Amino acid sequence: MGGITLIWAQDRVGAIGRDNTIPWRVPEDMARFREVTGSHAVVMGRKTWESLPERFRPLPGRRNIVITRSQTYRPEGAEVVHTVTEALQLAGSDAVVMGGGEIYTAAMDYATHLRVTEIDVLVTGADAFAPVIDERWHATTETDWAQSSTGTFYRFVDYVRHTS
């Protein structure tokens, strides 16, 4: 992969969460997440860390880096930093940023790749949103819409930052 990758799933209007949860269930997206993050360092905010089921904290086989404003927060199995810049320096040049909304926005200027799953739903009451994908990005891969084993339609879209 190489570079800084941001990975997220979003609804039709860019919502990524509600009440510190992912408001859909698409196992194929979770499988892609495992494939993309693989053995890479994963960077996430405190709320994202806390939203992970305890049995998956830390995410196995990966260096887990948690960003928090708290000077006393010490999650077991993760390294703690206080800014996105610190997290990316610690992670090195092959990191995957996995949320949440504030962290994605702060990391967008550092990113070289985006791995987005578009979910064909509209979440009411969403309180976390993906950053805007602007003209700095171009899609390199866009799968056809597929139906999840749960019945929800989704597709994968990968982006690379324009180099000029």
C-alpha atoms as a PDB file:
ATOM      1  CA  MET A   1       0.000   0.000   0.000  1.00  0.00           C
ATOM      2  CA  GLY A   2       2.544   2.628   1.096  1.00  0.00           C
ATOM      3  CA  GLY A   3       1.695   6.102   2.338  1.00  0.00           C
ATOM      4  CA  ILE A   4      -1.044   7.246   4.675  1.00  0.00           C
ATOM      5  CA  THR A   5      -4.402   5.603   4.020  1.00  0.00           C
ATOM      6  CA  LEU A   6      -7.757   6.660   5.447  1.00  0.00           C
ATOM      7  CA  ILE A   7     -10.415   3.948   5.508  1.00  0.00           C
ATOM      8  CA  TRP A   8     -14.105   4.398   6.247  1.00  0.00           C
ATOM      9  CA  ALA A   9     -17.632   3.383   5.291  1.00  0.00           C
ATOM     10  CA  GLN A  10     -20.265   6.052   4.717  1.00  0.00           C
ATOM     11  CA  ASP A  11     -23.936   6.329   3.906  1.00  0.00           C
ATOM     12  CA  ARG A  12     -25.324   8.213   0.875  1.00  0.00           C
ATOM     13  CA  VAL A  13     -24.565  11.632   2.401  1.00  0.00           C
ATOM     14  CA  GLY A  14     -21.265  10.891   4.159  1.00  0.00           C
ATOM     15  CA  ALA A  15     -22.506   9.803   7.595  1.00  0.00           C
ATOM     16  CA  ILE A  16     -20.125   7.356   9.270  1.00  0.00           C
ATOM     17  CA  GLY A  17     -21.632   6.982  12.724  1.00  0.00           C
ATOM     18  CA  ARG A  18     -24.393   7.545  15.231  1.00  0.00           C
ATOM     19  CA  ASP A  19     -24.035   7.358  19.016  1.00  0.00           C
ATOM     20  CA  ASN A  20     -20.469   6.022  18.730  1.00  0.00           C
ATOM     21  CA  THR A  21     -21.567   3.066  16.599  1.00  0.00           C
ATOM     22  CA  ILE A  22     -21.548   2.126  12.931  1.00  0.00           C
ATOM     23  CA  PRO A  23     -25.252   2.235  12.003  1.00  0.00           C
ATOM     24  CA  TRP A  24     -25.237  -0.695   9.548  1.00  0.00           C
ATOM     25  CA  ARG A  25     -23.889  -4.202   9.346  1.00  0.00           C
ATOM     26  CA  VAL A  26     -21.995  -5.157   6.191  1.00  0.00           C
ATOM     27  CA  PRO A  27     -19.678  -8.133   6.849  1.00  0.00           C
ATOM     28  CA  GLU A  28     -18.012  -7.668   3.462  1.00  0.00           C
ATOM     29  CA  ASP A  29     -16.883  -4.198   4.540  1.00  0.00           C
ATOM     30  CA  MET A  30     -15.440  -5.634   7.758  1.00  0.00           C
ATOM     31  CA  ALA A  31     -13.553  -8.242   5.702  1.00  0.00           C
ATOM     32  CA  ARG A  32     -12.143  -5.480   3.514  1.00  0.00           C
ATOM     33  CA  PHE A  33     -11.150  -3.529   6.626  1.00  0.00           C
ATOM     34  CA  ARG A  34      -9.191  -6.534   7.920  1.00  0.00           C
ATOM     35  CA  GLU A  35      -7.546  -6.974   4.509  1.00  0.00           C
ATOM     36  CA  VAL A  36      -6.560  -3.302   4.157  1.00  0.00           C
ATOM     37  CA  THR A  37      -5.324  -2.798   7.704  1.00  0.00           C
ATOM     38  CA  GLY A  38      -3.523  -6.160   7.763  1.00  0.00           C
ATOM     39  CA  SER A  39      -0.289  -5.792   9.682  1.00  0.00           C
ATOM     40  CA  HIS A  40      -0.175  -1.989   9.348  1.00  0.00           C
ATOM     41  CA  ALA A  41      -0.226   0.487  12.206  1.00  0.00           C
ATOM     42  CA  VAL A  42      -3.792   1.685  12.788  1.00  0.00           C
ATOM     43  CA  VAL A  43      -4.499   5.193  14.037  1.00  0.00           C
ATOM     44  CA  MET A  44      -7.780   6.081  15.717  1.00  0.00           C
ATOM     45  CA  GLY A  45      -9.339   8.519  18.111  1.00  0.00           C
ATOM     46  CA  ARG A  46     -10.339   7.611  21.646  1.00  0.00           C
ATOM     47  CA  LYS A  47     -14.040   7.311  20.792  1.00  0.00           C
ATOM     48  CA  THR A  48     -13.280   4.899  17.957  1.00  0.00           C
ATOM     49  CA  TRP A  49     -11.066   2.833  20.282  1.00  0.00           C
ATOM     50  CA  GLU A  50     -13.836   2.706  22.876  1.00  0.00           C
ATOM     51  CA  SER A  51     -16.412   1.735  20.242  1.00  0.00           C
ATOM     52  CA  LEU A  52     -14.464  -1.438  19.414  1.00  0.00           C
ATOM     53  CA  PRO A  53     -15.764  -4.547  21.164  1.00  0.00           C
ATOM     54  CA  GLU A  54     -13.431  -5.336  24.082  1.00  0.00           C
ATOM     55  CA  ARG A  55     -12.466  -8.666  22.546  1.00  0.00           C
ATOM     56  CA  PHE A  56     -10.978  -6.750  19.573  1.00  0.00           C
ATOM     57  CA  ARG A  57      -8.987  -4.249  21.654  1.00  0.00           C
ATOM     58  CA  PRO A  58      -6.282  -3.942  20.656  1.00  0.00           C
ATOM     59  CA  LEU A  59      -6.906  -4.932  17.047  1.00  0.00           C
ATOM     60  CA  PRO A  60      -4.822  -8.095  16.678  1.00  0.00           C
ATOM     61  CA  GLY A  61      -1.720  -8.170  14.502  1.00  0.00           C
ATOM     62  CA  ARG A  62      -1.529  -4.397  14.237  1.00  0.00           C
ATOM     63  CA  ARG A  63       0.151  -1.579  16.092  1.00  0.00           C
ATOM     64  CA  ASN A  64      -2.732   0.343  17.715  1.00  0.00           C
ATOM     65  CA  ILE A  65      -2.242   4.093  18.164  1.00  0.00           C
ATOM     66  CA  VAL A  66      -4.941   6.104  19.943  1.00  0.00           C
ATOM     67  CA  ILE A  67      -5.233   9.888  19.776  1.00  0.00           C
ATOM     68  CA  THR A  68      -6.732  11.645  22.796  1.00  0.00           C
ATOM     69  CA  ARG A  69      -6.625  15.058  24.411  1.00  0.00           C
ATOM     70  CA  SER A  70      -6.451  13.424  27.851  1.00  0.00           C
ATOM     71  CA  GLN A  71      -3.035  13.338  29.481  1.00  0.00           C
ATOM     72  CA  THR A  72      -4.053  10.413  31.721  1.00  0.00           C
ATOM     73  CA  TYR A  73      -5.827   8.072  29.268  1.00  0.00           C
ATOM     74  CA  ARG A  74      -3.951   4.750  29.009  1.00  0.00           C
ATOM     75  CA  PRO A  75      -5.840   2.076  27.069  1.00  0.00           C
ATOM     76  CA  GLU A  76      -4.351  -1.371  27.480  1.00  0.00           C
ATOM     77  CA  GLY A  77      -2.608  -2.608  24.346  1.00  0.00           C
ATOM     78  CA  ALA A  78      -2.420   0.758  22.578  1.00  0.00           C
ATOM     79  CA  GLU A  79       0.067   3.577  22.337  1.00  0.00           C
ATOM     80  CA  VAL A  80      -1.300   7.023  23.196  1.00  0.00           C
ATOM     81  CA  VAL A  81      -0.535  10.312  21.449  1.00  0.00           C
ATOM     82  CA  HIS A  82      -2.247  13.677  21.489  1.00  0.00           C
ATOM     83  CA  THR A  83      -2.244  14.864  17.863  1.00  0.00           C
ATOM     84  CA  VAL A  84      -2.649  13.386  14.405  1.00  0.00           C
ATOM     85  CA  THR A  85       0.869  14.570  13.572  1.00  0.00           C
ATOM     86  CA  GLU A  86       2.298  12.647  16.546  1.00  0.00           C
ATOM     87  CA  ALA A  87       0.304   9.557  15.578  1.00  0.00           C
ATOM     88  CA  LEU A  88       1.521   9.570  11.992  1.00  0.00           C
ATOM     89  CA  GLN A  89       5.131  10.142  13.053  1.00  0.00           C
ATOM     90  CA  LEU A  90       4.860   7.204  15.445  1.00  0.00           C
ATOM     91  CA  ALA A  91       3.124   4.987  12.872  1.00  0.00           C
ATOM     92  CA  GLY A  92       5.615   5.649  10.098  1.00  0.00           C
ATOM     93  CA  SER A  93       4.968   5.883   6.392  1.00  0.00           C
ATOM     94  CA  ASP A  94       2.538   2.992   6.097  1.00  0.00           C
ATOM     95  CA  ALA A  95      -0.300   3.866   8.478  1.00  0.00           C
ATOM     96  CA  VAL A  96      -4.043   3.364   8.208  1.00  0.00           C
ATOM     97  CA  VAL A  97      -6.288   5.962   9.848  1.00  0.00           C
ATOM     98  CA  MET A  98      -9.572   4.374  10.921  1.00  0.00           C
ATOM     99  CA  GLY A  99     -11.546   7.189  12.495  1.00  0.00           C
ATOM    100  CA  GLY A 100     -13.494   8.859  13.737  1.00  0.00           C
ATOM    101  CA  GLY A 101     -14.807  11.943  12.015  1.00  0.00           C
ATOM    102  CA  GLU A 102     -12.566  14.515  13.708  1.00  0.00           C
ATOM    103  CA  ILE A 103      -9.480  12.359  13.165  1.00  0.00           C
ATOM    104  CA  TYR A 104     -10.285  11.842   9.468  1.00  0.00           C
ATOM    105  CA  THR A 105     -10.660  15.581   8.953  1.00  0.00           C
ATOM    106  CA  ALA A 106      -7.351  16.296  10.696  1.00  0.00           C
ATOM    107  CA  ALA A 107      -5.545  13.515   8.780  1.00  0.00           C
ATOM    108  CA  MET A 108      -6.903  14.375   5.328  1.00  0.00           C
ATOM    109  CA  ASP A 109      -3.989  16.700   4.463  1.00  0.00           C
ATOM    110  CA  TYR A 110      -1.492  13.902   5.191  1.00  0.00           C
ATOM    111  CA  ALA A 111      -3.345  11.150   3.328  1.00  0.00           C
ATOM    112  CA  THR A 112      -2.186   9.646   0.056  1.00  0.00           C
ATOM    113  CA  HIS A 113      -4.963   7.050  -0.317  1.00  0.00           C
ATOM    114  CA  LEU A 114      -8.637   6.785   0.629  1.00  0.00           C
ATOM    115  CA  ARG A 115     -10.440   3.431   0.856  1.00  0.00           C
ATOM    116  CA  VAL A 116     -14.153   4.190   1.038  1.00  0.00           C
ATOM    117  CA  THR A 117     -17.091   1.826   1.277  1.00  0.00           C
ATOM    118  CA  GLU A 118     -20.305   3.470   0.144  1.00  0.00           C
ATOM    119  CA  ILE A 119     -23.340   2.011   1.887  1.00  0.00           C
ATOM    120  CA  ASP A 120     -26.719   2.477   0.188  1.00  0.00           C
ATOM    121  CA  VAL A 121     -28.573   3.689   3.278  1.00  0.00           C
ATOM    122  CA  LEU A 122     -29.490   7.042   4.760  1.00  0.00           C
ATOM    123  CA  VAL A 123     -28.764   7.260   8.488  1.00  0.00           C
ATOM    124  CA  THR A 124     -31.103   9.423  10.538  1.00  0.00           C
ATOM    125  CA  GLY A 125     -29.578  11.076  13.564  1.00  0.00           C
ATOM    126  CA  ALA A 126     -25.995  10.641  12.367  1.00  0.00           C
ATOM    127  CA  ASP A 127     -23.445  12.536  14.444  1.00  0.00           C
ATOM    128  CA  ALA A 128     -20.160  11.629  12.735  1.00  0.00           C
ATOM    129  CA  PHE A 129     -19.320  12.354   9.115  1.00  0.00           C
ATOM    130  CA  ALA A 130     -16.579  11.555   6.619  1.00  0.00           C
ATOM    131  CA  PRO A 131     -14.450  14.374   5.255  1.00  0.00           C
ATOM    132  CA  VAL A 132     -15.344  15.818   1.868  1.00  0.00           C
ATOM    133  CA  ILE A 133     -13.501  14.171  -1.013  1.00  0.00           C
ATOM    134  CA  ASP A 134     -12.583  17.161  -3.158  1.00  0.00           C
ATOM    135  CA  GLU A 135     -10.749  17.768  -6.438  1.00  0.00           C
ATOM    136  CA  ARG A 136      -7.410  16.775  -4.859  1.00  0.00           C
ATOM    137  CA  TRP A 137      -8.513  13.145  -5.217  1.00  0.00           C
ATOM    138  CA  HIS A 138      -9.328  10.858  -8.125  1.00  0.00           C
ATOM    139  CA  ALA A 139     -10.983   7.466  -8.015  1.00  0.00           C
ATOM    140  CA  THR A 140      -8.750   4.600  -9.117  1.00  0.00           C
ATOM    141  CA  THR A 141     -11.112   1.716  -8.386  1.00  0.00           C
ATOM    142  CA  GLU A 142     -14.884   1.667  -8.192  1.00  0.00           C
ATOM    143  CA  THR A 143     -16.647  -1.663  -7.829  1.00  0.00           C
ATOM    144  CA  ASP A 144     -20.185  -2.340  -8.963  1.00  0.00           C
ATOM    145  CA  TRP A 145     -22.878  -2.185  -6.310  1.00  0.00           C
ATOM    146  CA  ALA A 146     -23.212  -5.535  -4.556  1.00  0.00           C
ATOM    147  CA  GLN A 147     -25.722  -6.892  -2.074  1.00  0.00           C
ATOM    148  CA  SER A 148     -24.314  -7.810   1.323  1.00  0.00           C
ATOM    149  CA  SER A 149     -25.218 -11.061   3.033  1.00  0.00           C
ATOM    150  CA  THR A 150     -27.330  -8.793   5.290  1.00  0.00           C
ATOM    151  CA  GLY A 151     -29.261  -7.417   2.297  1.00  0.00           C
ATOM    152  CA  THR A 152     -27.681  -3.947   2.294  1.00  0.00           C
ATOM    153  CA  PHE A 153     -26.160  -2.683  -0.950  1.00  0.00           C
ATOM    154  CA  TYR A 154     -22.579  -1.389  -0.918  1.00  0.00           C
ATOM    155  CA  ARG A 155     -19.593  -0.682  -3.162  1.00  0.00           C
ATOM    156  CA  PHE A 156     -15.896   0.014  -2.705  1.00  0.00           C
ATOM    157  CA  VAL A 157     -14.274   3.173  -4.080  1.00  0.00           C
ATOM    158  CA  ASP A 158     -10.537   3.781  -3.783  1.00  0.00           C
ATOM    159  CA  TYR A 159      -8.967   7.203  -4.270  1.00  0.00           C
ATOM    160  CA  VAL A 160      -5.435   8.491  -4.738  1.00  0.00           C
ATOM    161  CA  ARG A 161      -4.342  12.064  -4.160  1.00  0.00           C
ATOM    162  CA  HIS A 162      -3.389  13.935  -7.347  1.00  0.00           C
ATOM    163  CA  THR A 163       0.360  14.441  -7.383  1.00  0.00           C
ATOM    164  CA  SER A 164       0.393  17.792  -9.174  1.00  0.00           C
END
